[in-house]
């Protein structure tokens, strides 16, 4: 099994999803980078088998400042309560860290099989495709998510509001924020 890491890098240079292939080509000169996702404020870089003593410098010299890095496939979410996973999803989603948001709800969905959890996972997955400059895939996944999200609320999330915002995003191709109402 490969050692895999996720590096979160500031997007101070204003990279857009359209720059993805250029950045991947640059990084692949130095290390195994199977994927990156470009958000408005950050870039997520997946790295396989990194030389942790040099990787940070390479990324900072070529892309931007590393603000966080962590092993991929950590199992910490298996020990979190369902409500904590949903709140983590909302927090990560609102930071445009859609890949990690997707992962936060994956554990909950596997435990429960709930279609709303699966629908919210697809909402995050759709925006991953925007960050990967794959708008056609965004549309397909977003429409599937809309079909899955049923009911008024899922924990602290107003699903009606998510459906409205996602429908608007199908036109704008822009992310939105999810509100998390306090639980009573």
C-alpha atoms as a PDB file:
ATOM      1  CA  UNK A   1       0.000   0.000   0.000  1.00  0.00           C
ATOM      2  CA  UNK A   2       1.233   3.458  -0.883  1.00  0.00           C
ATOM      3  CA  UNK A   3       1.816   6.188   1.681  1.00  0.00           C
ATOM      4  CA  UNK A   4      -0.610   8.896   0.562  1.00  0.00           C
ATOM      5  CA  UNK A   5      -0.843  12.462   1.799  1.00  0.00           C
ATOM      6  CA  UNK A   6      -3.067  15.444   1.201  1.00  0.00           C
ATOM      7  CA  UNK A   7      -1.392  18.852   1.137  1.00  0.00           C
ATOM      8  CA  UNK A   8      -3.506  22.013   1.477  1.00  0.00           C
ATOM      9  CA  UNK A   9      -1.797  24.976  -0.185  1.00  0.00           C
ATOM     10  CA  UNK A  10      -2.848  28.628  -0.283  1.00  0.00           C
ATOM     11  CA  UNK A  11      -4.083  29.820  -3.669  1.00  0.00           C
ATOM     12  CA  UNK A  12      -2.464  33.253  -3.397  1.00  0.00           C
ATOM     13  CA  UNK A  13      -1.494  33.214  -7.080  1.00  0.00           C
ATOM     14  CA  UNK A  14      -5.123  33.016  -8.201  1.00  0.00           C
ATOM     15  CA  UNK A  15      -4.980  29.642  -9.911  1.00  0.00           C
ATOM     16  CA  UNK A  16      -8.221  28.488 -11.562  1.00  0.00           C
ATOM     17  CA  UNK A  17      -9.421  24.947 -12.310  1.00  0.00           C
ATOM     18  CA  UNK A  18      -8.297  25.572 -15.899  1.00  0.00           C
ATOM     19  CA  UNK A  19      -4.694  25.677 -14.579  1.00  0.00           C
ATOM     20  CA  UNK A  20      -4.963  22.146 -13.193  1.00  0.00           C
ATOM     21  CA  UNK A  21      -3.122  20.308 -15.983  1.00  0.00           C
ATOM     22  CA  UNK A  22      -0.235  22.796 -15.959  1.00  0.00           C
ATOM     23  CA  UNK A  23       0.166  22.485 -12.183  1.00  0.00           C
ATOM     24  CA  UNK A  24      -0.014  18.688 -12.329  1.00  0.00           C
ATOM     25  CA  UNK A  25       2.662  18.619 -15.039  1.00  0.00           C
ATOM     26  CA  UNK A  26       4.892  20.890 -12.935  1.00  0.00           C
ATOM     27  CA  UNK A  27       4.488  18.822  -9.765  1.00  0.00           C
ATOM     28  CA  UNK A  28       4.911  15.477 -11.512  1.00  0.00           C
ATOM     29  CA  UNK A  29       8.464  16.486 -12.417  1.00  0.00           C
ATOM     30  CA  UNK A  30       9.265  16.097  -8.707  1.00  0.00           C
ATOM     31  CA  UNK A  31       6.918  13.504  -7.199  1.00  0.00           C
ATOM     32  CA  UNK A  32       3.867  11.280  -7.683  1.00  0.00           C
ATOM     33  CA  UNK A  33       0.851  13.606  -7.688  1.00  0.00           C
ATOM     34  CA  UNK A  34      -2.178  11.632  -8.899  1.00  0.00           C
ATOM     35  CA  UNK A  35      -4.617  14.502  -8.512  1.00  0.00           C
ATOM     36  CA  UNK A  36      -5.126  18.101  -7.492  1.00  0.00           C
ATOM     37  CA  UNK A  37      -8.218  20.207  -6.961  1.00  0.00           C
ATOM     38  CA  UNK A  38      -8.198  23.985  -7.224  1.00  0.00           C
ATOM     39  CA  UNK A  39     -10.484  26.007  -4.954  1.00  0.00           C
ATOM     40  CA  UNK A  40     -10.776  29.769  -4.806  1.00  0.00           C
ATOM     41  CA  UNK A  41      -8.614  30.048  -1.667  1.00  0.00           C
ATOM     42  CA  UNK A  42      -6.662  26.806  -1.637  1.00  0.00           C
ATOM     43  CA  UNK A  43      -5.268  23.957  -3.720  1.00  0.00           C
ATOM     44  CA  UNK A  44      -5.496  20.334  -2.604  1.00  0.00           C
ATOM     45  CA  UNK A  45      -2.579  18.201  -3.737  1.00  0.00           C
ATOM     46  CA  UNK A  46      -2.594  14.425  -3.367  1.00  0.00           C
ATOM     47  CA  UNK A  47       0.915  13.018  -3.049  1.00  0.00           C
ATOM     48  CA  UNK A  48       1.973   9.379  -3.083  1.00  0.00           C
ATOM     49  CA  UNK A  49       5.071   8.158  -1.302  1.00  0.00           C
ATOM     50  CA  UNK A  50       6.435  11.614  -0.582  1.00  0.00           C
ATOM     51  CA  UNK A  51       9.873  12.417   0.712  1.00  0.00           C
ATOM     52  CA  UNK A  52       8.443  14.463   3.560  1.00  0.00           C
ATOM     53  CA  UNK A  53      11.804  16.155   4.150  1.00  0.00           C
ATOM     54  CA  UNK A  54      11.674  17.892   0.742  1.00  0.00           C
ATOM     55  CA  UNK A  55       8.062  17.911  -0.436  1.00  0.00           C
ATOM     56  CA  UNK A  56       7.002  21.064   1.406  1.00  0.00           C
ATOM     57  CA  UNK A  57       9.824  23.102  -0.139  1.00  0.00           C
ATOM     58  CA  UNK A  58       9.042  21.820  -3.628  1.00  0.00           C
ATOM     59  CA  UNK A  59       5.358  22.710  -3.301  1.00  0.00           C
ATOM     60  CA  UNK A  60       6.065  26.131  -1.787  1.00  0.00           C
ATOM     61  CA  UNK A  61       8.658  26.978  -4.434  1.00  0.00           C
ATOM     62  CA  UNK A  62       6.378  25.987  -7.322  1.00  0.00           C
ATOM     63  CA  UNK A  63       2.753  26.483  -6.192  1.00  0.00           C
ATOM     64  CA  UNK A  64       2.167  28.239  -2.865  1.00  0.00           C
ATOM     65  CA  UNK A  65       2.431  28.087   0.913  1.00  0.00           C
ATOM     66  CA  UNK A  66       1.552  24.755   2.541  1.00  0.00           C
ATOM     67  CA  UNK A  67      -0.904  25.392   5.370  1.00  0.00           C
ATOM     68  CA  UNK A  68      -1.698  21.797   6.261  1.00  0.00           C
ATOM     69  CA  UNK A  69      -0.824  18.257   5.337  1.00  0.00           C
ATOM     70  CA  UNK A  70      -2.048  14.908   6.587  1.00  0.00           C
ATOM     71  CA  UNK A  71      -2.123  11.239   5.692  1.00  0.00           C
ATOM     72  CA  UNK A  72      -5.023  10.202   3.490  1.00  0.00           C
ATOM     73  CA  UNK A  73      -7.236   7.368   4.678  1.00  0.00           C
ATOM     74  CA  UNK A  74      -7.039   8.238   8.347  1.00  0.00           C
ATOM     75  CA  UNK A  75      -9.638   6.291  10.296  1.00  0.00           C
ATOM     76  CA  UNK A  76     -10.478   8.971  12.852  1.00  0.00           C
ATOM     77  CA  UNK A  77     -13.956   9.561  11.384  1.00  0.00           C
ATOM     78  CA  UNK A  78     -14.949   5.993  12.307  1.00  0.00           C
ATOM     79  CA  UNK A  79     -15.008   7.104  15.923  1.00  0.00           C
ATOM     80  CA  UNK A  80     -17.003  10.303  15.501  1.00  0.00           C
ATOM     81  CA  UNK A  81     -20.698  10.672  16.261  1.00  0.00           C
ATOM     82  CA  UNK A  82     -23.050  11.117  13.314  1.00  0.00           C
ATOM     83  CA  UNK A  83     -23.838  14.733  14.204  1.00  0.00           C
ATOM     84  CA  UNK A  84     -20.098  15.525  14.404  1.00  0.00           C
ATOM     85  CA  UNK A  85     -19.563  14.046  10.938  1.00  0.00           C
ATOM     86  CA  UNK A  86     -22.362  16.214   9.520  1.00  0.00           C
ATOM     87  CA  UNK A  87     -20.933  19.326  11.165  1.00  0.00           C
ATOM     88  CA  UNK A  88     -17.464  18.441   9.841  1.00  0.00           C
ATOM     89  CA  UNK A  89     -18.998  18.030   6.375  1.00  0.00           C
ATOM     90  CA  UNK A  90     -20.572  21.502   6.542  1.00  0.00           C
ATOM     91  CA  UNK A  91     -17.367  23.119   7.798  1.00  0.00           C
ATOM     92  CA  UNK A  92     -15.211  21.501   5.114  1.00  0.00           C
ATOM     93  CA  UNK A  93     -17.797  22.126   2.382  1.00  0.00           C
ATOM     94  CA  UNK A  94     -17.929  25.835   3.274  1.00  0.00           C
ATOM     95  CA  UNK A  95     -14.127  26.010   2.994  1.00  0.00           C
ATOM     96  CA  UNK A  96     -14.437  24.488  -0.508  1.00  0.00           C
ATOM     97  CA  UNK A  97     -12.602  21.405   0.775  1.00  0.00           C
ATOM     98  CA  UNK A  98     -15.121  19.237  -1.027  1.00  0.00           C
ATOM     99  CA  UNK A  99     -12.984  16.109  -1.226  1.00  0.00           C
ATOM    100  CA  UNK A 100     -12.569  16.032   2.552  1.00  0.00           C
ATOM    101  CA  UNK A 101     -16.264  16.912   3.059  1.00  0.00           C
ATOM    102  CA  UNK A 102     -17.139  13.958   0.859  1.00  0.00           C
ATOM    103  CA  UNK A 103     -14.947  11.756   3.057  1.00  0.00           C
ATOM    104  CA  UNK A 104     -16.513  13.001   6.294  1.00  0.00           C
ATOM    105  CA  UNK A 105     -19.973  11.836   5.242  1.00  0.00           C
ATOM    106  CA  UNK A 106     -18.718   8.625   3.648  1.00  0.00           C
ATOM    107  CA  UNK A 107     -18.379   7.017   7.083  1.00  0.00           C
ATOM    108  CA  UNK A 108     -21.899   8.067   8.071  1.00  0.00           C
ATOM    109  CA  UNK A 109     -23.352   6.830   4.798  1.00  0.00           C
ATOM    110  CA  UNK A 110     -21.613   3.453   5.160  1.00  0.00           C
ATOM    111  CA  UNK A 111     -22.997   3.077   8.677  1.00  0.00           C
ATOM    112  CA  UNK A 112     -26.553   4.150   7.837  1.00  0.00           C
ATOM    113  CA  UNK A 113     -27.090   3.729   4.092  1.00  0.00           C
ATOM    114  CA  UNK A 114     -29.121   6.953   4.265  1.00  0.00           C
ATOM    115  CA  UNK A 115     -29.904   8.410   0.826  1.00  0.00           C
ATOM    116  CA  UNK A 116     -29.645  11.987   2.097  1.00  0.00           C
ATOM    117  CA  UNK A 117     -26.090  11.309   3.280  1.00  0.00           C
ATOM    118  CA  UNK A 118     -25.368   9.846  -0.151  1.00  0.00           C
ATOM    119  CA  UNK A 119     -26.976  12.872  -1.812  1.00  0.00           C
ATOM    120  CA  UNK A 120     -24.841  15.287   0.217  1.00  0.00           C
ATOM    121  CA  UNK A 121     -21.756  13.249  -0.667  1.00  0.00           C
ATOM    122  CA  UNK A 122     -22.711  13.721  -4.318  1.00  0.00           C
ATOM    123  CA  UNK A 123     -23.124  17.476  -3.798  1.00  0.00           C
ATOM    124  CA  UNK A 124     -19.505  17.617  -2.605  1.00  0.00           C
ATOM    125  CA  UNK A 125     -18.407  15.244  -5.380  1.00  0.00           C
ATOM    126  CA  UNK A 126     -20.014  17.513  -7.966  1.00  0.00           C
ATOM    127  CA  UNK A 127     -17.952  20.481  -6.787  1.00  0.00           C
ATOM    128  CA  UNK A 128     -14.814  18.331  -6.828  1.00  0.00           C
ATOM    129  CA  UNK A 129     -15.408  18.109 -10.578  1.00  0.00           C
ATOM    130  CA  UNK A 130     -15.539  21.915 -10.829  1.00  0.00           C
ATOM    131  CA  UNK A 131     -12.171  22.062  -9.044  1.00  0.00           C
ATOM    132  CA  UNK A 132     -10.847  19.500 -11.534  1.00  0.00           C
ATOM    133  CA  UNK A 133     -12.119  21.573 -14.492  1.00  0.00           C
ATOM    134  CA  UNK A 134     -14.670  18.904 -15.479  1.00  0.00           C
ATOM    135  CA  UNK A 135     -17.902  20.896 -15.811  1.00  0.00           C
ATOM    136  CA  UNK A 136     -19.810  18.217 -17.725  1.00  0.00           C
ATOM    137  CA  UNK A 137     -19.203  15.736 -14.907  1.00  0.00           C
ATOM    138  CA  UNK A 138     -20.264  18.405 -12.403  1.00  0.00           C
ATOM    139  CA  UNK A 139     -23.660  18.709 -14.109  1.00  0.00           C
ATOM    140  CA  UNK A 140     -24.230  14.939 -14.185  1.00  0.00           C
ATOM    141  CA  UNK A 141     -23.335  14.449 -10.521  1.00  0.00           C
ATOM    142  CA  UNK A 142     -25.228  17.547  -9.322  1.00  0.00           C
ATOM    143  CA  UNK A 143     -28.400  16.332 -11.045  1.00  0.00           C
ATOM    144  CA  UNK A 144     -28.026  12.926  -9.384  1.00  0.00           C
ATOM    145  CA  UNK A 145     -27.597  14.651  -6.032  1.00  0.00           C
ATOM    146  CA  UNK A 146     -30.783  16.664  -6.561  1.00  0.00           C
ATOM    147  CA  UNK A 147     -32.695  13.442  -7.229  1.00  0.00           C
ATOM    148  CA  UNK A 148     -31.428  11.862  -4.006  1.00  0.00           C
ATOM    149  CA  UNK A 149     -31.979  14.697  -1.538  1.00  0.00           C
ATOM    150  CA  UNK A 150     -35.434  14.229  -0.030  1.00  0.00           C
ATOM    151  CA  UNK A 151     -37.143  15.704   2.983  1.00  0.00           C
ATOM    152  CA  UNK A 152     -36.784  19.003   4.775  1.00  0.00           C
ATOM    153  CA  UNK A 153     -33.770  18.500   7.032  1.00  0.00           C
ATOM    154  CA  UNK A 154     -30.817  16.233   7.541  1.00  0.00           C
ATOM    155  CA  UNK A 155     -29.417  16.816  11.014  1.00  0.00           C
ATOM    156  CA  UNK A 156     -28.570  20.558  10.985  1.00  0.00           C
ATOM    157  CA  UNK A 157     -28.812  20.939   7.187  1.00  0.00           C
ATOM    158  CA  UNK A 158     -31.866  22.459   5.485  1.00  0.00           C
ATOM    159  CA  UNK A 159     -32.177  20.203   2.431  1.00  0.00           C
ATOM    160  CA  UNK A 160     -34.670  22.508   0.705  1.00  0.00           C
ATOM    161  CA  UNK A 161     -32.056  25.269   0.821  1.00  0.00           C
ATOM    162  CA  UNK A 162     -29.327  22.942  -0.452  1.00  0.00           C
ATOM    163  CA  UNK A 163     -31.536  21.865  -3.368  1.00  0.00           C
ATOM    164  CA  UNK A 164     -32.256  25.516  -4.270  1.00  0.00           C
ATOM    165  CA  UNK A 165     -28.593  26.513  -4.089  1.00  0.00           C
ATOM    166  CA  UNK A 166     -27.467  23.458  -6.037  1.00  0.00           C
ATOM    167  CA  UNK A 167     -30.042  24.174  -8.743  1.00  0.00           C
ATOM    168  CA  UNK A 168     -28.631  27.701  -9.041  1.00  0.00           C
ATOM    169  CA  UNK A 169     -25.112  26.291  -9.167  1.00  0.00           C
ATOM    170  CA  UNK A 170     -26.063  24.170 -12.149  1.00  0.00           C
ATOM    171  CA  UNK A 171     -26.298  27.471 -14.035  1.00  0.00           C
ATOM    172  CA  UNK A 172     -23.476  29.446 -12.405  1.00  0.00           C
ATOM    173  CA  UNK A 173     -21.015  26.559 -11.859  1.00  0.00           C
ATOM    174  CA  UNK A 174     -20.104  28.287  -8.580  1.00  0.00           C
ATOM    175  CA  UNK A 175     -20.018  26.771  -5.079  1.00  0.00           C
ATOM    176  CA  UNK A 176     -22.275  27.906  -2.280  1.00  0.00           C
ATOM    177  CA  UNK A 177     -22.312  27.760   1.513  1.00  0.00           C
ATOM    178  CA  UNK A 178     -24.394  25.377   3.601  1.00  0.00           C
ATOM    179  CA  UNK A 179     -25.960  26.616   6.812  1.00  0.00           C
ATOM    180  CA  UNK A 180     -25.901  24.333   9.847  1.00  0.00           C
ATOM    181  CA  UNK A 181     -28.756  25.271  12.161  1.00  0.00           C
ATOM    182  CA  UNK A 182     -28.092  24.545  15.850  1.00  0.00           C
ATOM    183  CA  UNK A 183     -29.668  21.290  16.989  1.00  0.00           C
ATOM    184  CA  UNK A 184     -32.319  21.566  19.645  1.00  0.00           C
END
